[in-house]
Amino acid sequence: QLSENYVMDITTYYKNIYNYVSLKEVIDPDDETISWYEYTSEDYGSARGIDINLSKMLSNFISGSTSYSLAWASGNNSGVTVNESLREFPLPWDMRHSYNLNLTFKVQKDEEFFVPFTDYLVPTVITDDFSTNFSYSVQSGTPYTPLNSDGTAMDTNSELKPSTSTASLKFTKKFYFGDKASFRVYCTIDNLFNKENIYYVYGKTGSAKDDGTYAFNEETGTYYNVQSGEYVAAEIVEIYNSATANPSRVSQGRTLKLGVSFNF
C-alpha cells in the first residue's frame, strides 16, 4: 500500500510444464512399410514473467488501474504435431509485452459534483449516479511460422504478427422512481479508435488478406501464379482473394451499443 488510495502489486513467476501432448510416429516392427501415429506425453514448455499493477481506489470521483506484463512462453512443440526437435522456441500464445489502462469517473447517488476549479454545481439530474469508464490495452504481436514460396515451413514461430490495441468507452446513468424502482441507460463504444487488429496471418506473406498464391506483374499488368509462373485472369484472382481475405482474421470495426435496464 503506497498511500490511502494507491496500491501496487508486483508478481513474478516461473513454471516448468511437463507432459504436453504430442504425436509420435510408430513403425510396425514386422513391416516397415506400415506406420501409425500415437498420442504421447513427452513435450515440454515453460512460462515466466513479471506483472506490475498500480490501482487507485475511488476518491475525488476517480478510480482506476494501470498494469504492465512482461512474459515468455516457450516449449519444444507448438501443437499436437510430430516433432523430433528438442530445441525450445516461442509458443503461439507467447505475448512479450502487454499494457492495460482502466479509468472510471463516478458520481454516486446523492453526491454533489462541482466543475473543477469553479464553484459551479452541476445539476444532480445529470450527475446523480453517473459513471464513465475508459479502458485501453496494447499488446505485442504473437509469433507465427513463416513459409517459403513452395509452402515449406521455415523456423518455427520465428516471425511476429503486428501489435494489437483496443480502446472502449462506456457511459452509464441511473434514474430513480421511488425507493425501489429505477432504470439504467448505458452507451458502450468498443474499438473506440477504429483500429484494425490482425489476429491471423498467412505464413508466406505475413498478411491477413493475401496468402501469396498470386502476384501482380506491373510491367505486363497481369496476375500470375507465384509457384508455377502461369498467368491468370484478373477475375479469377478477384474471386480467390474474396475467400482468402477472411474478415475473421482481423478485428471488428468500431461498434456502438445502447441499452436500458429496469429494476423494481
Protein backbone atom coordinates (compact mmCIF):
# COMPACT_ATOMS: atom_id res chain seq x y z
CA GLN A 1 0.00 0.00 0.00
CA LEU A 2 1.62 3.24 -1.19
CA SER A 3 -0.92 5.60 0.40
CA GLU A 4 -4.53 5.69 1.50
CA ASN A 5 -5.82 5.41 -2.07
CA TYR A 6 -2.98 3.77 -4.02
CA VAL A 7 -1.96 0.12 -4.04
CA MET A 8 0.79 -1.56 -6.07
CA ASP A 9 1.11 -5.26 -6.75
CA ILE A 10 4.20 -6.92 -8.27
CA THR A 11 4.14 -10.61 -9.16
CA THR A 12 6.93 -12.68 -10.68
CA TYR A 13 6.52 -16.28 -11.76
CA TYR A 14 8.31 -19.19 -13.35
CA LYS A 15 6.79 -22.55 -14.17
CA ASN A 16 8.02 -25.69 -15.88
CA ILE A 17 5.28 -27.59 -17.71
CA TYR A 18 5.87 -31.25 -18.45
CA ASN A 19 3.95 -33.95 -20.32
CA TYR A 20 2.45 -31.81 -23.07
CA VAL A 21 0.55 -34.00 -25.53
CA SER A 22 2.07 -34.52 -28.98
CA LEU A 23 2.16 -37.15 -31.72
CA LYS A 24 4.75 -39.88 -32.19
CA GLU A 25 5.20 -41.99 -35.32
CA VAL A 26 5.32 -45.74 -34.64
CA ILE A 27 6.61 -48.18 -37.27
CA ASP A 28 5.32 -51.73 -37.35
CA PRO A 29 8.29 -53.95 -36.28
CA ASP A 30 7.10 -56.69 -38.63
CA ASP A 31 6.54 -54.45 -41.66
CA GLU A 32 8.44 -51.18 -42.05
CA THR A 33 6.01 -50.01 -44.74
CA ILE A 34 3.26 -49.77 -42.12
CA SER A 35 3.26 -46.94 -39.60
CA TRP A 36 0.78 -45.01 -37.47
CA TYR A 37 0.71 -42.13 -35.02
CA GLU A 38 0.12 -42.34 -31.29
CA TYR A 39 -0.52 -39.67 -28.72
CA THR A 40 2.32 -39.34 -26.25
CA SER A 41 3.01 -37.08 -23.27
CA GLU A 42 6.60 -36.08 -23.91
CA ASP A 43 6.67 -32.38 -24.81
CA TYR A 44 7.87 -29.61 -22.51
CA GLY A 45 7.05 -25.95 -22.02
CA SER A 46 7.85 -23.14 -19.62
CA ALA A 47 6.31 -19.80 -18.65
CA ARG A 48 7.96 -16.91 -16.84
CA GLY A 49 7.40 -13.23 -16.43
CA ILE A 50 6.55 -10.29 -14.21
CA ASP A 51 3.26 -8.43 -13.69
CA ILE A 52 3.12 -4.89 -12.26
CA ASN A 53 -0.22 -3.33 -11.32
CA LEU A 54 -0.99 0.09 -9.82
CA SER A 55 -4.54 0.70 -8.56
CA LYS A 56 -6.28 3.83 -7.32
CA MET A 57 -9.28 3.45 -5.05
CA LEU A 58 -12.35 5.64 -5.67
CA SER A 59 -11.62 9.13 -4.36
CA ASN A 60 -12.46 12.57 -5.74
CA PHE A 61 -14.78 10.77 -8.21
CA ILE A 62 -11.85 8.93 -9.88
CA SER A 63 -10.72 5.32 -9.67
CA GLY A 64 -8.59 3.25 -11.98
CA SER A 65 -5.68 0.95 -12.57
CA THR A 66 -2.72 0.53 -14.88
CA SER A 67 -0.74 -2.65 -15.42
CA TYR A 68 2.20 -3.95 -17.42
CA SER A 69 3.22 -7.53 -18.08
CA LEU A 70 6.50 -8.88 -19.43
CA ALA A 71 6.23 -12.59 -20.21
CA TRP A 72 7.82 -15.50 -22.04
CA ALA A 73 6.11 -18.76 -23.07
CA SER A 74 8.34 -21.30 -24.78
CA GLY A 75 8.39 -25.02 -25.49
CA ASN A 76 9.67 -27.68 -27.87
CA ASN A 77 6.39 -28.07 -29.80
CA SER A 78 3.69 -25.61 -30.84
CA GLY A 79 0.84 -28.10 -31.19
CA VAL A 80 -0.23 -31.73 -31.35
CA THR A 81 2.12 -32.49 -34.26
CA VAL A 82 5.06 -34.74 -34.99
CA ASN A 83 8.16 -33.12 -33.59
CA GLU A 84 11.59 -34.60 -33.05
CA SER A 85 13.39 -31.39 -32.08
CA LEU A 86 14.45 -30.72 -28.52
CA ARG A 87 15.08 -27.03 -29.22
CA GLU A 88 12.77 -24.59 -27.46
CA PHE A 89 11.05 -21.76 -29.32
CA PRO A 90 8.25 -19.26 -28.56
CA LEU A 91 4.81 -20.86 -28.36
CA PRO A 92 1.88 -19.46 -30.40
CA TRP A 93 0.42 -17.62 -27.37
CA ASP A 94 3.76 -16.07 -26.37
CA MET A 95 3.00 -12.35 -25.88
CA ARG A 96 6.07 -10.46 -24.75
CA HIS A 97 4.55 -7.13 -23.68
CA SER A 98 1.08 -6.19 -22.51
CA TYR A 99 -0.15 -2.87 -21.12
CA ASN A 100 -3.62 -2.04 -19.77
CA LEU A 101 -5.22 1.18 -18.54
CA ASN A 102 -8.61 1.50 -16.88
CA LEU A 103 -10.10 4.79 -15.64
CA THR A 104 -13.52 5.40 -14.11
CA PHE A 105 -15.26 8.67 -13.27
CA LYS A 106 -18.20 8.06 -10.94
CA VAL A 107 -20.61 10.32 -9.09
CA GLN A 108 -22.56 8.25 -6.59
CA LYS A 109 -26.20 8.67 -5.63
CA ASP A 110 -26.99 11.93 -3.77
CA GLU A 111 -23.41 13.14 -4.27
CA GLU A 112 -22.71 16.68 -5.47
CA PHE A 113 -20.23 17.42 -8.22
CA PHE A 114 -18.67 20.82 -8.87
CA VAL A 115 -16.90 21.68 -12.11
CA PRO A 116 -13.17 21.55 -11.29
CA PHE A 117 -11.60 24.89 -10.27
CA THR A 118 -15.04 26.58 -10.17
CA ASP A 119 -17.98 26.95 -7.80
CA TYR A 120 -20.46 25.74 -10.39
CA LEU A 121 -22.58 22.83 -9.17
CA VAL A 122 -23.61 20.52 -11.98
CA PRO A 123 -27.36 19.76 -11.71
CA THR A 124 -27.90 16.47 -9.90
CA VAL A 125 -30.33 15.31 -12.59
CA ILE A 126 -27.23 14.96 -14.80
CA THR A 127 -24.61 13.65 -12.39
CA ASP A 128 -26.62 11.67 -9.84
CA ASP A 129 -25.44 8.03 -10.06
CA PHE A 130 -23.49 8.68 -13.26
CA SER A 131 -20.29 6.96 -14.37
CA THR A 132 -17.90 6.95 -17.30
CA ASN A 133 -15.33 4.25 -17.92
CA PHE A 134 -12.40 4.32 -20.35
CA SER A 135 -10.24 1.26 -20.96
CA TYR A 136 -7.24 0.85 -23.24
CA SER A 137 -4.93 -2.08 -23.87
CA VAL A 138 -1.97 -2.69 -26.17
CA GLN A 139 -0.12 -5.96 -26.72
CA SER A 140 2.90 -7.00 -28.74
CA GLY A 141 2.32 -9.45 -31.57
CA THR A 142 2.31 -13.20 -31.07
CA PRO A 143 4.63 -15.46 -33.15
CA TYR A 144 3.85 -17.42 -36.29
CA THR A 145 5.80 -19.75 -38.56
CA PRO A 146 6.81 -18.20 -41.92
CA LEU A 147 6.62 -20.30 -45.08
CA ASN A 148 8.80 -20.44 -48.17
CA SER A 149 7.25 -19.78 -51.58
CA ASP A 150 6.79 -23.55 -52.06
CA GLY A 151 4.86 -23.85 -48.80
CA THR A 152 7.58 -25.47 -46.69
CA ALA A 153 7.94 -24.20 -43.16
CA MET A 154 10.88 -22.11 -42.01
CA ASP A 155 11.98 -21.79 -38.36
CA THR A 156 9.00 -22.43 -36.08
CA ASN A 157 7.40 -19.25 -34.72
CA SER A 158 10.34 -17.12 -35.85
CA GLU A 159 8.24 -14.14 -37.01
CA LEU A 160 5.84 -11.86 -35.12
CA LYS A 161 2.38 -10.63 -36.05
CA PRO A 162 1.75 -6.87 -35.72
CA SER A 163 0.98 -5.49 -32.28
CA THR A 164 -2.68 -5.01 -31.30
CA SER A 165 -4.50 -2.35 -29.34
CA THR A 166 -8.08 -1.58 -28.43
CA ALA A 167 -9.97 1.07 -26.52
CA SER A 168 -13.52 1.28 -25.23
CA LEU A 169 -15.67 3.97 -23.63
CA LYS A 170 -18.83 3.42 -21.58
CA PHE A 171 -21.38 5.87 -20.13
CA THR A 172 -23.94 4.83 -17.52
CA LYS A 173 -26.75 6.88 -15.94
CA LYS A 174 -29.31 5.68 -13.46
CA PHE A 175 -32.73 7.26 -12.84
CA TYR A 176 -34.81 6.56 -9.74
CA PHE A 177 -38.59 6.38 -9.29
CA GLY A 178 -39.33 5.99 -5.63
CA ASP A 179 -37.29 3.90 -3.21
CA LYS A 180 -37.07 0.70 -5.29
CA ALA A 181 -37.89 1.39 -8.93
CA SER A 182 -35.15 2.65 -11.25
CA PHE A 183 -33.90 2.27 -14.78
CA ARG A 184 -30.38 2.49 -16.12
CA VAL A 185 -29.30 3.86 -19.50
CA TYR A 186 -25.91 2.96 -20.90
CA CYS A 187 -23.87 3.52 -24.03
CA THR A 188 -20.78 1.49 -24.91
CA ILE A 189 -18.33 2.25 -27.72
CA ASP A 190 -15.99 -0.65 -28.49
CA ASN A 191 -12.84 -0.23 -30.59
CA LEU A 192 -13.10 3.49 -29.99
CA PHE A 193 -10.28 4.43 -32.38
CA ASN A 194 -11.49 2.00 -35.09
CA LYS A 195 -8.18 0.13 -35.07
CA GLU A 196 -7.81 -2.89 -37.37
CA ASN A 197 -6.04 -5.54 -35.32
CA ILE A 198 -4.59 -8.54 -37.13
CA TYR A 199 -5.23 -11.87 -35.38
CA TYR A 200 -4.15 -14.40 -38.04
CA VAL A 201 -1.68 -14.10 -40.92
CA TYR A 202 -0.62 -16.26 -43.86
CA GLY A 203 2.85 -17.75 -43.45
CA LYS A 204 4.05 -16.87 -46.96
CA THR A 205 3.26 -13.15 -46.77
CA GLY A 206 2.69 -12.21 -43.13
CA SER A 207 -0.56 -10.63 -44.35
CA ALA A 208 -4.06 -11.29 -43.07
CA LYS A 209 -5.61 -10.94 -46.55
CA ASP A 210 -3.06 -12.18 -49.09
CA ASP A 211 -1.84 -15.78 -48.90
CA GLY A 212 0.84 -15.28 -51.55
CA THR A 213 -0.66 -17.58 -54.21
CA TYR A 214 -0.93 -14.84 -56.83
CA ALA A 215 1.11 -11.72 -57.55
CA PHE A 216 0.75 -8.76 -59.91
CA ASN A 217 3.31 -8.02 -62.62
CA GLU A 218 3.41 -4.24 -63.05
CA GLU A 219 5.31 -4.44 -66.34
CA THR A 220 2.71 -6.60 -68.09
CA GLY A 221 -0.27 -5.52 -65.98
CA THR A 222 -1.33 -9.12 -65.36
CA TYR A 223 -1.56 -11.55 -62.46
CA TYR A 224 0.41 -14.78 -62.25
CA ASN A 225 0.72 -17.82 -60.00
CA VAL A 226 3.82 -17.34 -57.84
CA GLN A 227 4.69 -21.04 -57.69
CA SER A 228 4.02 -22.11 -61.29
CA GLY A 229 4.59 -18.76 -63.02
CA GLU A 230 1.42 -19.16 -65.09
CA TYR A 231 -0.60 -16.04 -65.86
CA VAL A 232 -4.23 -15.98 -64.71
CA ALA A 233 -7.20 -13.73 -65.40
CA ALA A 234 -7.87 -10.85 -63.01
CA GLU A 235 -11.40 -12.15 -62.42
CA ILE A 236 -10.05 -15.44 -61.07
CA VAL A 237 -7.71 -13.61 -58.68
CA GLU A 238 -10.55 -11.38 -57.51
CA ILE A 239 -12.74 -14.38 -56.69
CA TYR A 240 -9.83 -16.15 -54.99
CA ASN A 241 -8.94 -13.11 -52.90
CA SER A 242 -12.53 -12.76 -51.73
CA ALA A 243 -12.05 -16.09 -49.94
CA THR A 244 -8.52 -15.52 -48.59
CA ALA A 245 -9.40 -12.06 -47.22
CA ASN A 246 -11.37 -13.68 -44.41
CA PRO A 247 -12.77 -10.91 -42.15
CA SER A 248 -12.40 -13.15 -39.08
CA ARG A 249 -8.63 -12.70 -39.38
CA VAL A 250 -8.91 -9.05 -38.31
CA SER A 251 -10.78 -7.28 -35.55
CA GLN A 252 -14.23 -5.81 -35.86
CA GLY A 253 -14.52 -2.07 -36.51
CA ARG A 254 -15.94 0.50 -34.12
CA THR A 255 -19.26 -0.59 -32.62
CA LEU A 256 -21.87 1.33 -30.64
CA LYS A 257 -24.24 -0.31 -28.17
CA LEU A 258 -27.17 1.40 -26.49
CA GLY A 259 -29.19 -0.23 -23.72
CA VAL A 260 -31.75 0.27 -21.00
CA SER A 261 -32.45 -1.87 -17.94
CA PHE A 262 -35.36 -1.54 -15.50
CA ASN A 263 -35.20 -2.56 -11.85
CA PHE A 264 -38.10 -2.75 -9.42
